[in-house]
């Protein structure tokens, strides 16, 4: 899984933390092109799930 931690009082930069199947956590460079693509993919997937859930509630 991927966890996005936005910048704030605890940290001056956005953090991207990947949870591996082994249980380890790895910090990823949020400026890396492949990490940016991964984050975009995850955010789009979450948005699609929210839209689907909202559509089900209206039906």
C-alpha atoms as a PDB file:
ATOM      1  CA  UNK A   1       0.000   0.000   0.000  1.00  0.00           C
ATOM      2  CA  UNK A   2       0.992   3.612  -0.426  1.00  0.00           C
ATOM      3  CA  UNK A   3       0.578   6.327   2.199  1.00  0.00           C
ATOM      4  CA  UNK A   4       0.797  10.001   1.284  1.00  0.00           C
ATOM      5  CA  UNK A   5       1.740  12.368   4.100  1.00  0.00           C
ATOM      6  CA  UNK A   6       1.350  16.025   3.068  1.00  0.00           C
ATOM      7  CA  UNK A   7       3.743  18.657   4.317  1.00  0.00           C
ATOM      8  CA  UNK A   8       2.796  20.250   7.610  1.00  0.00           C
ATOM      9  CA  UNK A   9       4.184  21.201  11.006  1.00  0.00           C
ATOM     10  CA  UNK A  10       5.638  17.697  11.456  1.00  0.00           C
ATOM     11  CA  UNK A  11       7.542  17.716   8.145  1.00  0.00           C
ATOM     12  CA  UNK A  12       8.363  20.410   5.598  1.00  0.00           C
ATOM     13  CA  UNK A  13       8.041  18.091   2.599  1.00  0.00           C
ATOM     14  CA  UNK A  14       5.468  15.640   1.273  1.00  0.00           C
ATOM     15  CA  UNK A  15       6.306  12.051   2.152  1.00  0.00           C
ATOM     16  CA  UNK A  16       5.422   8.939   0.168  1.00  0.00           C
ATOM     17  CA  UNK A  17       5.667   5.749   2.209  1.00  0.00           C
ATOM     18  CA  UNK A  18       5.283   2.303   0.635  1.00  0.00           C
ATOM     19  CA  UNK A  19       4.324  -0.714   2.740  1.00  0.00           C
ATOM     20  CA  UNK A  20       5.940  -3.846   1.347  1.00  0.00           C
ATOM     21  CA  UNK A  21       4.502  -7.360   1.527  1.00  0.00           C
ATOM     22  CA  UNK A  22       7.305  -8.227   3.957  1.00  0.00           C
ATOM     23  CA  UNK A  23       5.862  -5.663   6.379  1.00  0.00           C
ATOM     24  CA  UNK A  24       8.708  -3.201   5.895  1.00  0.00           C
ATOM     25  CA  UNK A  25       8.043   0.485   5.169  1.00  0.00           C
ATOM     26  CA  UNK A  26      10.095   2.361   2.591  1.00  0.00           C
ATOM     27  CA  UNK A  27      10.215   6.126   2.047  1.00  0.00           C
ATOM     28  CA  UNK A  28      10.044   7.029  -1.638  1.00  0.00           C
ATOM     29  CA  UNK A  29      11.318  10.204  -3.267  1.00  0.00           C
ATOM     30  CA  UNK A  30       8.165  12.219  -4.122  1.00  0.00           C
ATOM     31  CA  UNK A  31      10.102  14.060  -6.860  1.00  0.00           C
ATOM     32  CA  UNK A  32      11.009  10.855  -8.715  1.00  0.00           C
ATOM     33  CA  UNK A  33       9.084  10.519 -12.021  1.00  0.00           C
ATOM     34  CA  UNK A  34       7.980   6.931 -11.342  1.00  0.00           C
ATOM     35  CA  UNK A  35       6.779   7.835  -7.841  1.00  0.00           C
ATOM     36  CA  UNK A  36       4.783  10.747  -9.280  1.00  0.00           C
ATOM     37  CA  UNK A  37       3.121   8.339 -11.735  1.00  0.00           C
ATOM     38  CA  UNK A  38       2.392   5.879  -8.935  1.00  0.00           C
ATOM     39  CA  UNK A  39       0.851   8.590  -6.743  1.00  0.00           C
ATOM     40  CA  UNK A  40      -1.291   9.817  -9.652  1.00  0.00           C
ATOM     41  CA  UNK A  41      -2.483   6.250 -10.300  1.00  0.00           C
ATOM     42  CA  UNK A  42      -3.400   5.701  -6.638  1.00  0.00           C
ATOM     43  CA  UNK A  43      -5.242   9.034  -6.398  1.00  0.00           C
ATOM     44  CA  UNK A  44      -7.213   8.349  -9.595  1.00  0.00           C
ATOM     45  CA  UNK A  45      -8.154   4.884  -8.334  1.00  0.00           C
ATOM     46  CA  UNK A  46      -9.400   6.347  -5.032  1.00  0.00           C
ATOM     47  CA  UNK A  47     -11.422   8.983  -6.900  1.00  0.00           C
ATOM     48  CA  UNK A  48     -13.051   6.298  -9.061  1.00  0.00           C
ATOM     49  CA  UNK A  49     -14.032   4.333  -5.938  1.00  0.00           C
ATOM     50  CA  UNK A  50     -15.586   7.447  -4.360  1.00  0.00           C
ATOM     51  CA  UNK A  51     -17.555   8.213  -7.530  1.00  0.00           C
ATOM     52  CA  UNK A  52     -18.812   4.620  -7.720  1.00  0.00           C
ATOM     53  CA  UNK A  53     -19.880   4.683  -4.064  1.00  0.00           C
ATOM     54  CA  UNK A  54     -21.700   7.998  -4.566  1.00  0.00           C
ATOM     55  CA  UNK A  55     -23.486   6.618  -7.639  1.00  0.00           C
ATOM     56  CA  UNK A  56     -24.632   3.545  -5.677  1.00  0.00           C
ATOM     57  CA  UNK A  57     -26.074   5.742  -2.918  1.00  0.00           C
ATOM     58  CA  UNK A  58     -28.069   7.753  -5.457  1.00  0.00           C
ATOM     59  CA  UNK A  59     -29.451   4.650  -7.204  1.00  0.00           C
END
